[in-house]
Amino acid sequence: MDGNRSSGDRLAQWRAQHGDRHDPVRFAFLEALQRRAHTASGALRGVLDARLAVLLDDYARQLTEAPAAAISDATGTRNGLAALGQVRVDANPDYPALPALMAFRGLWAQLRTAGQVRQTLAQTPSDGGPLNSSVLVHRAVGWLGEVSPAYLQHFLAYVDNLAWLEQMQQRGTLPSRDTVPGRPPAKPRRARTPR
């Protein structure tokens, strides 16, 4: 009898004795790890079996230390969080891997940045001179996209956050500088006089 089968037997025995109700979330994790170890092979199988054995021993220790009344209480009365823990993990055993999610997020960030750069470059004024601030900003954004696309992504995310904060402040959701208690109101700016 291999280690994985004995872990499955231990989990089944605990479930029959209502030991799964001691810590439902952790028990569901143990069952999911046992299923994952069962489908693995090679070195990964050994690592998962070893990790599962340690976690099962820890759970067994907790069961022996927990008073029986607490476990029987858990069977009769359940709060909302305990009911959430009773969700069966085997309903969807194939969870997406985190690296795939990271790749998707990276691709989405690249597409969004490319769209923002296209939109910015399309708004470049055609009649602006070489020192026009709008022309310089659009030129800098285009150049930054060529030199360091990752930095451009961070920069555009920062600009988006600032624009969002400004919109929140204009709507009155965020306090303006003048309405913060204990802070003196901002001094009015002097109008520039042409030279």
N, C-alpha and C. Protein backbone atom coordinates (compact mmCIF):
# COMPACT_ATOMS: atom_id res chain seq x y z
N MET A 1 0.85 -1.17 0.00
CA MET A 1 0.00 0.00 0.00
C MET A 1 0.90 1.23 0.00
N ASP A 2 0.77 2.11 -1.03
CA ASP A 2 1.65 3.27 -1.12
C ASP A 2 1.20 4.37 -0.19
N GLY A 3 2.08 5.42 -0.05
CA GLY A 3 1.80 6.51 0.87
C GLY A 3 0.57 7.30 0.50
N ASN A 4 0.32 7.43 -0.79
CA ASN A 4 -0.82 8.21 -1.23
C ASN A 4 -2.13 7.52 -0.90
N ARG A 5 -2.15 6.19 -1.06
CA ARG A 5 -3.37 5.44 -0.72
C ARG A 5 -3.64 5.55 0.78
N SER A 6 -2.60 5.44 1.63
CA SER A 6 -2.82 5.54 3.07
C SER A 6 -3.27 6.95 3.45
N SER A 7 -2.79 7.98 2.72
CA SER A 7 -3.27 9.33 3.02
C SER A 7 -4.74 9.46 2.65
N GLY A 8 -5.13 8.83 1.54
CA GLY A 8 -6.55 8.84 1.17
C GLY A 8 -7.40 8.12 2.19
N ASP A 9 -6.88 7.01 2.72
CA ASP A 9 -7.60 6.27 3.75
C ASP A 9 -7.74 7.09 5.04
N ARG A 10 -6.66 7.81 5.41
CA ARG A 10 -6.72 8.64 6.62
C ARG A 10 -7.77 9.75 6.45
N LEU A 11 -7.78 10.38 5.29
CA LEU A 11 -8.75 11.44 5.04
C LEU A 11 -10.18 10.90 5.06
N ALA A 12 -10.38 9.74 4.45
CA ALA A 12 -11.73 9.13 4.44
C ALA A 12 -12.16 8.77 5.86
N GLN A 13 -11.23 8.26 6.66
CA GLN A 13 -11.56 7.89 8.04
C GLN A 13 -11.93 9.14 8.84
N TRP A 14 -11.16 10.22 8.68
CA TRP A 14 -11.47 11.46 9.39
C TRP A 14 -12.83 12.01 8.97
N ARG A 15 -13.13 11.93 7.67
CA ARG A 15 -14.42 12.43 7.21
C ARG A 15 -15.56 11.61 7.82
N ALA A 16 -15.38 10.28 7.91
CA ALA A 16 -16.41 9.43 8.50
C ALA A 16 -16.61 9.74 9.98
N GLN A 17 -15.54 10.16 10.66
CA GLN A 17 -15.62 10.49 12.09
C GLN A 17 -15.89 11.97 12.32
N HIS A 18 -16.24 12.71 11.26
CA HIS A 18 -16.50 14.16 11.31
C HIS A 18 -15.27 14.97 11.70
N GLY A 19 -14.10 14.42 11.47
CA GLY A 19 -12.87 15.15 11.72
C GLY A 19 -12.65 16.25 10.71
N ASP A 20 -13.35 16.15 9.58
CA ASP A 20 -13.24 17.20 8.56
C ASP A 20 -13.86 18.51 9.04
N ARG A 21 -14.70 18.44 10.04
CA ARG A 21 -15.39 19.64 10.52
C ARG A 21 -14.58 20.42 11.55
N HIS A 22 -13.45 19.86 11.95
CA HIS A 22 -12.57 20.57 12.88
C HIS A 22 -12.01 21.82 12.22
N ASP A 23 -11.51 21.68 10.99
CA ASP A 23 -10.99 22.81 10.21
C ASP A 23 -11.34 22.53 8.75
N PRO A 24 -12.55 22.89 8.33
CA PRO A 24 -13.04 22.49 7.00
C PRO A 24 -12.18 23.00 5.85
N VAL A 25 -11.68 24.21 5.97
CA VAL A 25 -10.86 24.76 4.88
C VAL A 25 -9.56 23.99 4.74
N ARG A 26 -8.93 23.74 5.86
CA ARG A 26 -7.67 22.99 5.82
C ARG A 26 -7.89 21.56 5.35
N PHE A 27 -9.00 20.96 5.76
CA PHE A 27 -9.30 19.60 5.34
C PHE A 27 -9.52 19.55 3.83
N ALA A 28 -10.22 20.54 3.29
CA ALA A 28 -10.43 20.61 1.84
C ALA A 28 -9.09 20.77 1.12
N PHE A 29 -8.17 21.55 1.70
CA PHE A 29 -6.84 21.70 1.11
C PHE A 29 -6.10 20.37 1.12
N LEU A 30 -6.20 19.63 2.22
CA LEU A 30 -5.54 18.32 2.30
C LEU A 30 -6.08 17.37 1.24
N GLU A 31 -7.40 17.37 1.04
CA GLU A 31 -7.98 16.51 0.02
C GLU A 31 -7.51 16.90 -1.37
N ALA A 32 -7.44 18.22 -1.64
CA ALA A 32 -6.99 18.69 -2.94
C ALA A 32 -5.52 18.31 -3.16
N LEU A 33 -4.70 18.45 -2.13
CA LEU A 33 -3.29 18.08 -2.23
C LEU A 33 -3.14 16.58 -2.45
N GLN A 34 -3.97 15.79 -1.80
CA GLN A 34 -3.92 14.34 -1.98
C GLN A 34 -4.29 13.96 -3.41
N ARG A 35 -5.31 14.62 -3.98
CA ARG A 35 -5.68 14.35 -5.37
C ARG A 35 -4.57 14.77 -6.33
N ARG A 36 -3.95 15.91 -6.05
CA ARG A 36 -2.85 16.40 -6.91
C ARG A 36 -1.67 15.45 -6.85
N ALA A 37 -1.34 14.94 -5.65
CA ALA A 37 -0.24 14.00 -5.50
C ALA A 37 -0.56 12.70 -6.23
N HIS A 38 -1.82 12.30 -6.23
CA HIS A 38 -2.24 11.06 -6.89
C HIS A 38 -2.04 11.14 -8.39
N THR A 39 -2.21 12.33 -8.99
CA THR A 39 -2.05 12.48 -10.44
C THR A 39 -0.62 12.78 -10.85
N ALA A 40 0.25 13.12 -9.91
CA ALA A 40 1.64 13.48 -10.23
C ALA A 40 2.48 12.22 -10.39
N SER A 41 3.66 12.42 -10.97
CA SER A 41 4.58 11.29 -11.13
C SER A 41 6.01 11.79 -10.96
N GLY A 42 6.93 10.86 -10.79
CA GLY A 42 8.34 11.20 -10.69
C GLY A 42 8.70 11.93 -9.41
N ALA A 43 9.63 12.89 -9.56
CA ALA A 43 10.13 13.64 -8.41
C ALA A 43 9.03 14.50 -7.78
N LEU A 44 8.14 15.02 -8.63
CA LEU A 44 7.05 15.84 -8.10
C LEU A 44 6.16 15.02 -7.17
N ARG A 45 5.92 13.77 -7.53
CA ARG A 45 5.09 12.90 -6.70
C ARG A 45 5.72 12.72 -5.32
N GLY A 46 7.04 12.53 -5.29
CA GLY A 46 7.73 12.36 -4.02
C GLY A 46 7.65 13.59 -3.15
N VAL A 47 7.81 14.77 -3.77
CA VAL A 47 7.75 16.03 -3.03
C VAL A 47 6.34 16.23 -2.46
N LEU A 48 5.32 15.99 -3.32
CA LEU A 48 3.94 16.18 -2.86
C LEU A 48 3.56 15.19 -1.77
N ASP A 49 4.00 13.93 -1.91
CA ASP A 49 3.70 12.93 -0.88
C ASP A 49 4.36 13.30 0.45
N ALA A 50 5.59 13.79 0.39
CA ALA A 50 6.29 14.18 1.62
C ALA A 50 5.58 15.36 2.29
N ARG A 51 5.20 16.34 1.49
CA ARG A 51 4.49 17.51 2.04
C ARG A 51 3.14 17.10 2.63
N LEU A 52 2.44 16.23 1.92
CA LEU A 52 1.14 15.75 2.40
C LEU A 52 1.29 14.98 3.71
N ALA A 53 2.33 14.16 3.83
CA ALA A 53 2.54 13.39 5.07
C ALA A 53 2.75 14.33 6.25
N VAL A 54 3.54 15.39 6.04
CA VAL A 54 3.78 16.35 7.13
C VAL A 54 2.48 17.04 7.53
N LEU A 55 1.71 17.48 6.53
CA LEU A 55 0.46 18.19 6.83
C LEU A 55 -0.58 17.27 7.47
N LEU A 56 -0.61 16.00 7.06
CA LEU A 56 -1.54 15.05 7.67
C LEU A 56 -1.18 14.79 9.12
N ASP A 57 0.11 14.66 9.40
CA ASP A 57 0.54 14.45 10.78
C ASP A 57 0.18 15.66 11.65
N ASP A 58 0.35 16.86 11.10
CA ASP A 58 0.00 18.07 11.83
C ASP A 58 -1.50 18.13 12.09
N TYR A 59 -2.30 17.76 11.09
CA TYR A 59 -3.75 17.76 11.26
C TYR A 59 -4.17 16.71 12.28
N ALA A 60 -3.52 15.55 12.26
CA ALA A 60 -3.83 14.50 13.24
C ALA A 60 -3.51 14.98 14.64
N ARG A 61 -2.39 15.70 14.79
CA ARG A 61 -2.03 16.25 16.10
C ARG A 61 -3.09 17.24 16.57
N GLN A 62 -3.56 18.08 15.68
CA GLN A 62 -4.60 19.04 16.05
C GLN A 62 -5.90 18.35 16.44
N LEU A 63 -6.21 17.26 15.75
CA LEU A 63 -7.44 16.53 16.09
C LEU A 63 -7.35 15.91 17.48
N THR A 64 -6.17 15.39 17.84
CA THR A 64 -6.04 14.77 19.15
C THR A 64 -6.02 15.82 20.26
N GLU A 65 -5.51 17.01 19.95
CA GLU A 65 -5.48 18.08 20.96
C GLU A 65 -6.82 18.77 21.11
N ALA A 66 -7.64 18.75 20.06
CA ALA A 66 -8.94 19.44 20.12
C ALA A 66 -9.91 18.64 20.97
N PRO A 67 -10.66 19.33 21.81
CA PRO A 67 -11.66 18.60 22.60
C PRO A 67 -12.76 18.05 21.70
N ALA A 68 -13.25 16.89 22.03
CA ALA A 68 -14.29 16.25 21.23
C ALA A 68 -15.55 17.10 21.19
N ALA A 69 -15.81 17.86 22.25
CA ALA A 69 -17.02 18.70 22.27
C ALA A 69 -16.95 19.76 21.19
N ALA A 70 -15.76 20.28 20.93
CA ALA A 70 -15.63 21.33 19.91
C ALA A 70 -15.95 20.77 18.54
N ILE A 71 -15.52 19.52 18.28
CA ILE A 71 -15.80 18.92 16.98
C ILE A 71 -17.28 18.61 16.86
N SER A 72 -17.89 18.11 17.93
CA SER A 72 -19.33 17.82 17.86
C SER A 72 -20.14 19.09 17.77
N ASP A 73 -19.67 20.18 18.40
CA ASP A 73 -20.33 21.48 18.24
C ASP A 73 -20.29 21.93 16.79
N ALA A 74 -19.16 21.69 16.15
CA ALA A 74 -19.02 22.12 14.76
C ALA A 74 -19.97 21.38 13.86
N THR A 75 -20.36 20.15 14.23
CA THR A 75 -21.28 19.41 13.39
C THR A 75 -22.69 19.95 13.51
N GLY A 76 -23.07 20.46 14.69
CA GLY A 76 -24.43 20.93 14.88
C GLY A 76 -24.64 22.36 14.45
N THR A 77 -23.76 23.24 14.86
CA THR A 77 -23.94 24.65 14.52
C THR A 77 -22.79 25.11 13.66
N ARG A 78 -23.11 25.78 12.58
CA ARG A 78 -22.08 26.28 11.67
C ARG A 78 -22.34 27.74 11.39
N ASN A 79 -21.29 28.50 11.44
CA ASN A 79 -21.43 29.88 11.04
C ASN A 79 -21.20 29.98 9.53
N GLY A 80 -21.32 31.16 8.98
CA GLY A 80 -21.19 31.35 7.55
C GLY A 80 -19.82 30.97 7.02
N LEU A 81 -18.77 31.25 7.79
CA LEU A 81 -17.43 30.94 7.33
C LEU A 81 -17.20 29.44 7.30
N ALA A 82 -17.71 28.72 8.27
CA ALA A 82 -17.56 27.27 8.28
C ALA A 82 -18.32 26.65 7.11
N ALA A 83 -19.48 27.21 6.78
CA ALA A 83 -20.24 26.70 5.63
C ALA A 83 -19.47 26.91 4.34
N LEU A 84 -18.75 28.03 4.25
CA LEU A 84 -17.93 28.25 3.07
C LEU A 84 -16.83 27.22 2.96
N GLY A 85 -16.33 26.79 4.11
CA GLY A 85 -15.27 25.79 4.12
C GLY A 85 -15.74 24.42 3.66
N GLN A 86 -17.05 24.18 3.67
CA GLN A 86 -17.59 22.90 3.28
C GLN A 86 -17.75 22.75 1.77
N VAL A 87 -17.39 23.77 1.01
CA VAL A 87 -17.46 23.67 -0.45
C VAL A 87 -16.51 22.58 -0.90
N ARG A 88 -16.99 21.70 -1.71
CA ARG A 88 -16.16 20.59 -2.18
C ARG A 88 -15.16 21.09 -3.20
N VAL A 89 -13.89 20.79 -2.97
CA VAL A 89 -12.84 21.24 -3.87
C VAL A 89 -12.83 20.40 -5.13
N ASP A 90 -13.32 19.16 -5.07
CA ASP A 90 -13.24 18.30 -6.24
C ASP A 90 -14.24 18.67 -7.32
N ALA A 91 -15.08 19.69 -7.10
CA ALA A 91 -15.99 20.12 -8.14
C ALA A 91 -15.22 20.69 -9.33
N ASN A 92 -14.07 21.31 -9.08
CA ASN A 92 -13.23 21.83 -10.16
C ASN A 92 -11.78 21.57 -9.80
N PRO A 93 -11.27 20.36 -10.07
CA PRO A 93 -9.92 20.03 -9.62
C PRO A 93 -8.82 20.70 -10.44
N ASP A 94 -9.12 21.22 -11.60
CA ASP A 94 -8.09 21.81 -12.45
C ASP A 94 -8.08 23.32 -12.27
N TYR A 95 -7.32 23.78 -11.29
CA TYR A 95 -7.20 25.21 -11.05
C TYR A 95 -6.16 25.78 -12.00
N PRO A 96 -6.33 27.03 -12.44
CA PRO A 96 -5.34 27.61 -13.34
C PRO A 96 -4.01 27.80 -12.61
N ALA A 97 -2.95 27.54 -13.31
CA ALA A 97 -1.62 27.71 -12.73
C ALA A 97 -1.28 29.19 -12.68
N LEU A 98 -0.59 29.59 -11.65
CA LEU A 98 -0.25 31.00 -11.47
C LEU A 98 0.64 31.53 -12.58
N PRO A 99 1.62 30.78 -13.11
CA PRO A 99 2.42 31.32 -14.21
C PRO A 99 1.58 31.65 -15.43
N ALA A 100 0.56 30.86 -15.73
CA ALA A 100 -0.30 31.17 -16.87
C ALA A 100 -1.06 32.46 -16.62
N LEU A 101 -1.48 32.68 -15.40
CA LEU A 101 -2.18 33.91 -15.06
C LEU A 101 -1.24 35.10 -15.17
N MET A 102 0.01 34.92 -14.74
CA MET A 102 0.98 36.01 -14.86
C MET A 102 1.26 36.34 -16.32
N ALA A 103 1.33 35.31 -17.16
CA ALA A 103 1.57 35.55 -18.59
C ALA A 103 0.39 36.32 -19.20
N PHE A 104 -0.82 35.96 -18.80
CA PHE A 104 -2.00 36.66 -19.30
C PHE A 104 -2.00 38.12 -18.86
N ARG A 105 -1.66 38.36 -17.61
CA ARG A 105 -1.61 39.75 -17.12
C ARG A 105 -0.54 40.55 -17.86
N GLY A 106 0.61 39.92 -18.11
CA GLY A 106 1.66 40.61 -18.85
C GLY A 106 1.23 40.94 -20.27
N LEU A 107 0.56 39.99 -20.93
CA LEU A 107 0.08 40.23 -22.28
C LEU A 107 -0.96 41.34 -22.30
N TRP A 108 -1.86 41.31 -21.32
CA TRP A 108 -2.88 42.36 -21.24
C TRP A 108 -2.25 43.73 -21.01
N ALA A 109 -1.24 43.80 -20.17
CA ALA A 109 -0.56 45.08 -19.92
C ALA A 109 0.13 45.58 -21.19
N GLN A 110 0.74 44.67 -21.96
CA GLN A 110 1.38 45.08 -23.21
C GLN A 110 0.37 45.61 -24.21
N LEU A 111 -0.75 44.91 -24.35
CA LEU A 111 -1.78 45.36 -25.29
C LEU A 111 -2.36 46.71 -24.87
N ARG A 112 -2.60 46.88 -23.59
CA ARG A 112 -3.15 48.14 -23.09
C ARG A 112 -2.17 49.28 -23.30
N THR A 113 -0.90 49.03 -23.03
CA THR A 113 0.12 50.07 -23.23
C THR A 113 0.21 50.45 -24.70
N ALA A 114 0.20 49.44 -25.58
CA ALA A 114 0.29 49.73 -27.02
C ALA A 114 -0.91 50.56 -27.47
N GLY A 115 -2.10 50.24 -26.94
CA GLY A 115 -3.29 51.02 -27.29
C GLY A 115 -3.19 52.45 -26.78
N GLN A 116 -2.68 52.62 -25.57
CA GLN A 116 -2.54 53.97 -25.02
C GLN A 116 -1.52 54.78 -25.80
N VAL A 117 -0.43 54.15 -26.22
CA VAL A 117 0.58 54.86 -27.01
C VAL A 117 0.00 55.27 -28.36
N ARG A 118 -0.73 54.36 -29.02
CA ARG A 118 -1.36 54.71 -30.30
C ARG A 118 -2.32 55.87 -30.14
N GLN A 119 -3.12 55.84 -29.08
CA GLN A 119 -4.08 56.91 -28.82
C GLN A 119 -3.35 58.23 -28.56
N THR A 120 -2.27 58.18 -27.81
CA THR A 120 -1.51 59.39 -27.51
C THR A 120 -0.87 59.97 -28.76
N LEU A 121 -0.27 59.11 -29.58
CA LEU A 121 0.40 59.59 -30.78
C LEU A 121 -0.61 60.11 -31.81
N ALA A 122 -1.83 59.58 -31.79
CA ALA A 122 -2.86 60.08 -32.71
C ALA A 122 -3.32 61.48 -32.33
N GLN A 123 -3.13 61.86 -31.07
CA GLN A 123 -3.56 63.18 -30.60
C GLN A 123 -2.47 64.23 -30.73
N THR A 124 -1.36 63.89 -31.33
CA THR A 124 -0.26 64.86 -31.47
C THR A 124 -0.71 66.01 -32.36
N PRO A 125 -0.57 67.24 -31.88
CA PRO A 125 -0.99 68.37 -32.70
C PRO A 125 -0.12 68.49 -33.95
N SER A 126 -0.78 68.70 -35.08
CA SER A 126 -0.03 68.78 -36.34
C SER A 126 0.60 70.14 -36.55
N ASP A 127 0.07 71.17 -35.89
CA ASP A 127 0.59 72.52 -36.11
C ASP A 127 1.53 72.98 -35.01
N GLY A 128 1.92 72.09 -34.12
CA GLY A 128 2.81 72.47 -33.02
C GLY A 128 4.25 72.57 -33.50
N GLY A 129 4.96 73.48 -32.94
CA GLY A 129 6.37 73.65 -33.28
C GLY A 129 7.23 72.63 -32.57
N PRO A 130 8.53 72.66 -32.78
CA PRO A 130 9.43 71.66 -32.17
C PRO A 130 9.52 71.77 -30.66
N LEU A 131 9.18 72.92 -30.10
CA LEU A 131 9.24 73.09 -28.65
C LEU A 131 7.85 73.13 -28.00
N ASN A 132 6.83 72.78 -28.75
CA ASN A 132 5.48 72.71 -28.21
C ASN A 132 5.44 71.60 -27.17
N SER A 133 4.90 71.90 -25.98
CA SER A 133 4.93 70.92 -24.89
C SER A 133 4.17 69.65 -25.25
N SER A 134 3.05 69.76 -25.95
CA SER A 134 2.29 68.56 -26.33
C SER A 134 3.10 67.70 -27.30
N VAL A 135 3.76 68.34 -28.26
CA VAL A 135 4.58 67.60 -29.21
C VAL A 135 5.73 66.91 -28.49
N LEU A 136 6.34 67.60 -27.53
CA LEU A 136 7.46 67.00 -26.79
C LEU A 136 7.00 65.81 -25.95
N VAL A 137 5.84 65.93 -25.31
CA VAL A 137 5.33 64.82 -24.50
C VAL A 137 5.03 63.62 -25.38
N HIS A 138 4.36 63.84 -26.52
CA HIS A 138 4.03 62.73 -27.41
C HIS A 138 5.29 62.08 -27.98
N ARG A 139 6.27 62.88 -28.30
CA ARG A 139 7.54 62.35 -28.81
C ARG A 139 8.24 61.53 -27.72
N ALA A 140 8.21 62.03 -26.48
CA ALA A 140 8.86 61.31 -25.38
C ALA A 140 8.18 59.98 -25.10
N VAL A 141 6.85 59.96 -25.17
CA VAL A 141 6.12 58.70 -24.94
C VAL A 141 6.47 57.69 -26.03
N GLY A 142 6.51 58.12 -27.28
CA GLY A 142 6.86 57.22 -28.37
C GLY A 142 8.29 56.70 -28.23
N TRP A 143 9.21 57.57 -27.86
CA TRP A 143 10.60 57.17 -27.69
C TRP A 143 10.75 56.20 -26.52
N LEU A 144 10.04 56.48 -25.42
CA LEU A 144 10.11 55.61 -24.25
C LEU A 144 9.58 54.22 -24.56
N GLY A 145 8.54 54.14 -25.40
CA GLY A 145 8.00 52.84 -25.80
C GLY A 145 9.02 52.02 -26.59
N GLU A 146 9.87 52.68 -27.33
CA GLU A 146 10.90 51.97 -28.10
C GLU A 146 12.07 51.55 -27.21
N VAL A 147 12.47 52.44 -26.30
CA VAL A 147 13.66 52.19 -25.48
C VAL A 147 13.38 51.22 -24.33
N SER A 148 12.28 51.45 -23.60
CA SER A 148 11.99 50.63 -22.42
C SER A 148 10.48 50.42 -22.28
N PRO A 149 9.94 49.41 -22.96
CA PRO A 149 8.50 49.16 -22.88
C PRO A 149 8.01 48.86 -21.46
N ALA A 150 8.82 48.18 -20.65
CA ALA A 150 8.41 47.86 -19.28
C ALA A 150 8.28 49.13 -18.45
N TYR A 151 9.24 50.05 -18.59
CA TYR A 151 9.15 51.31 -17.85
C TYR A 151 7.94 52.12 -18.32
N LEU A 152 7.67 52.08 -19.63
CA LEU A 152 6.51 52.81 -20.15
C LEU A 152 5.22 52.27 -19.54
N GLN A 153 5.13 50.95 -19.36
CA GLN A 153 3.95 50.35 -18.72
C GLN A 153 3.78 50.89 -17.31
N HIS A 154 4.87 50.93 -16.55
CA HIS A 154 4.80 51.45 -15.17
C HIS A 154 4.44 52.92 -15.17
N PHE A 155 5.03 53.68 -16.08
CA PHE A 155 4.76 55.11 -16.16
C PHE A 155 3.29 55.37 -16.49
N LEU A 156 2.75 54.65 -17.48
CA LEU A 156 1.35 54.86 -17.86
C LEU A 156 0.40 54.42 -16.74
N ALA A 157 0.76 53.37 -16.02
CA ALA A 157 -0.06 52.96 -14.87
C ALA A 157 -0.06 54.06 -13.80
N TYR A 158 1.10 54.68 -13.59
CA TYR A 158 1.21 55.78 -12.62
C TYR A 158 0.36 56.97 -13.07
N VAL A 159 0.44 57.31 -14.35
CA VAL A 159 -0.36 58.42 -14.88
C VAL A 159 -1.85 58.11 -14.77
N ASP A 160 -2.24 56.85 -15.05
CA ASP A 160 -3.65 56.45 -14.90
C ASP A 160 -4.12 56.63 -13.46
N ASN A 161 -3.28 56.23 -12.51
CA ASN A 161 -3.65 56.38 -11.10
C ASN A 161 -3.81 57.85 -10.72
N LEU A 162 -2.90 58.68 -11.20
CA LEU A 162 -3.02 60.11 -10.91
C LEU A 162 -4.29 60.71 -11.53
N ALA A 163 -4.60 60.31 -12.76
CA ALA A 163 -5.81 60.81 -13.41
C ALA A 163 -7.06 60.34 -12.66
N TRP A 164 -7.03 59.09 -12.19
CA TRP A 164 -8.16 58.57 -11.43
C TRP A 164 -8.34 59.33 -10.12
N LEU A 165 -7.23 59.62 -9.43
CA LEU A 165 -7.31 60.39 -8.18
C LEU A 165 -7.84 61.79 -8.44
N GLU A 166 -7.42 62.40 -9.55
CA GLU A 166 -7.91 63.74 -9.87
C GLU A 166 -9.42 63.72 -10.14
N GLN A 167 -9.89 62.70 -10.84
CA GLN A 167 -11.33 62.58 -11.09
C GLN A 167 -12.09 62.38 -9.79
N MET A 168 -11.54 61.57 -8.90
CA MET A 168 -12.20 61.35 -7.61
C MET A 168 -12.27 62.64 -6.81
N GLN A 169 -11.23 63.43 -6.88
CA GLN A 169 -11.21 64.69 -6.15
C GLN A 169 -12.20 65.68 -6.75
N GLN A 170 -12.31 65.72 -8.08
CA GLN A 170 -13.24 66.62 -8.73
C GLN A 170 -14.69 66.25 -8.43
N ARG A 171 -14.97 64.97 -8.27
CA ARG A 171 -16.32 64.52 -7.94
C ARG A 171 -16.67 64.75 -6.47
N GLY A 172 -15.66 65.03 -5.68
CA GLY A 172 -15.89 65.25 -4.25
C GLY A 172 -15.73 64.00 -3.42
N THR A 173 -15.34 62.89 -4.03
CA THR A 173 -15.14 61.65 -3.29
C THR A 173 -13.92 61.75 -2.40
N LEU A 174 -12.86 62.37 -2.90
CA LEU A 174 -11.66 62.59 -2.12
C LEU A 174 -11.62 64.05 -1.69
N PRO A 175 -11.11 64.32 -0.50
CA PRO A 175 -11.05 65.72 -0.07
C PRO A 175 -10.00 66.49 -0.87
N SER A 176 -10.29 67.74 -1.11
CA SER A 176 -9.30 68.58 -1.77
C SER A 176 -8.32 69.07 -0.72
N ARG A 177 -7.28 69.71 -1.17
CA ARG A 177 -6.25 70.18 -0.24
C ARG A 177 -6.83 71.22 0.72
N ASP A 178 -7.79 72.00 0.25
CA ASP A 178 -8.37 73.05 1.09
C ASP A 178 -9.29 72.50 2.17
N THR A 179 -9.81 71.28 2.00
CA THR A 179 -10.78 70.75 2.96
C THR A 179 -10.18 69.78 3.97
N VAL A 180 -8.88 69.55 3.91
CA VAL A 180 -8.24 68.63 4.86
C VAL A 180 -8.13 69.35 6.20
N PRO A 181 -8.68 68.75 7.29
CA PRO A 181 -8.63 69.41 8.59
C PRO A 181 -7.20 69.56 9.08
N GLY A 182 -6.91 70.72 9.66
CA GLY A 182 -5.60 70.97 10.22
C GLY A 182 -4.58 71.46 9.21
N ARG A 183 -4.94 71.49 7.96
CA ARG A 183 -4.01 71.94 6.93
C ARG A 183 -4.45 73.33 6.46
N PRO A 184 -3.53 74.25 6.39
CA PRO A 184 -3.91 75.59 5.93
C PRO A 184 -4.32 75.56 4.46
N PRO A 185 -5.26 76.41 4.07
CA PRO A 185 -5.67 76.40 2.67
C PRO A 185 -4.52 76.80 1.76
N ALA A 186 -4.57 76.30 0.55
CA ALA A 186 -3.50 76.58 -0.41
C ALA A 186 -3.52 78.05 -0.78
N LYS A 187 -2.35 78.60 -0.97
CA LYS A 187 -2.26 80.00 -1.38
C LYS A 187 -2.64 80.10 -2.85
N PRO A 188 -3.38 81.14 -3.20
CA PRO A 188 -3.73 81.28 -4.61
C PRO A 188 -2.49 81.60 -5.44
N ARG A 189 -2.48 81.08 -6.63
CA ARG A 189 -1.34 81.31 -7.52
C ARG A 189 -1.47 82.67 -8.16
N ARG A 190 -0.32 83.27 -8.34
CA ARG A 190 -0.31 84.55 -9.02
C ARG A 190 -0.38 84.32 -10.52
N ALA A 191 -1.10 85.15 -11.18
CA ALA A 191 -1.20 85.05 -12.62
C ALA A 191 0.12 85.48 -13.25
N ARG A 192 0.50 84.78 -14.27
CA ARG A 192 1.75 85.11 -14.95
C ARG A 192 1.53 86.34 -15.81
N THR A 193 2.49 87.18 -15.78
CA THR A 193 2.42 88.35 -16.63
C THR A 193 3.30 88.11 -17.84
N PRO A 194 2.80 88.43 -19.03
CA PRO A 194 3.63 88.22 -20.22
C PRO A 194 4.85 89.12 -20.20
N ARG A 195 5.94 88.65 -20.70
CA ARG A 195 7.19 89.42 -20.70
C ARG A 195 7.41 90.09 -22.01
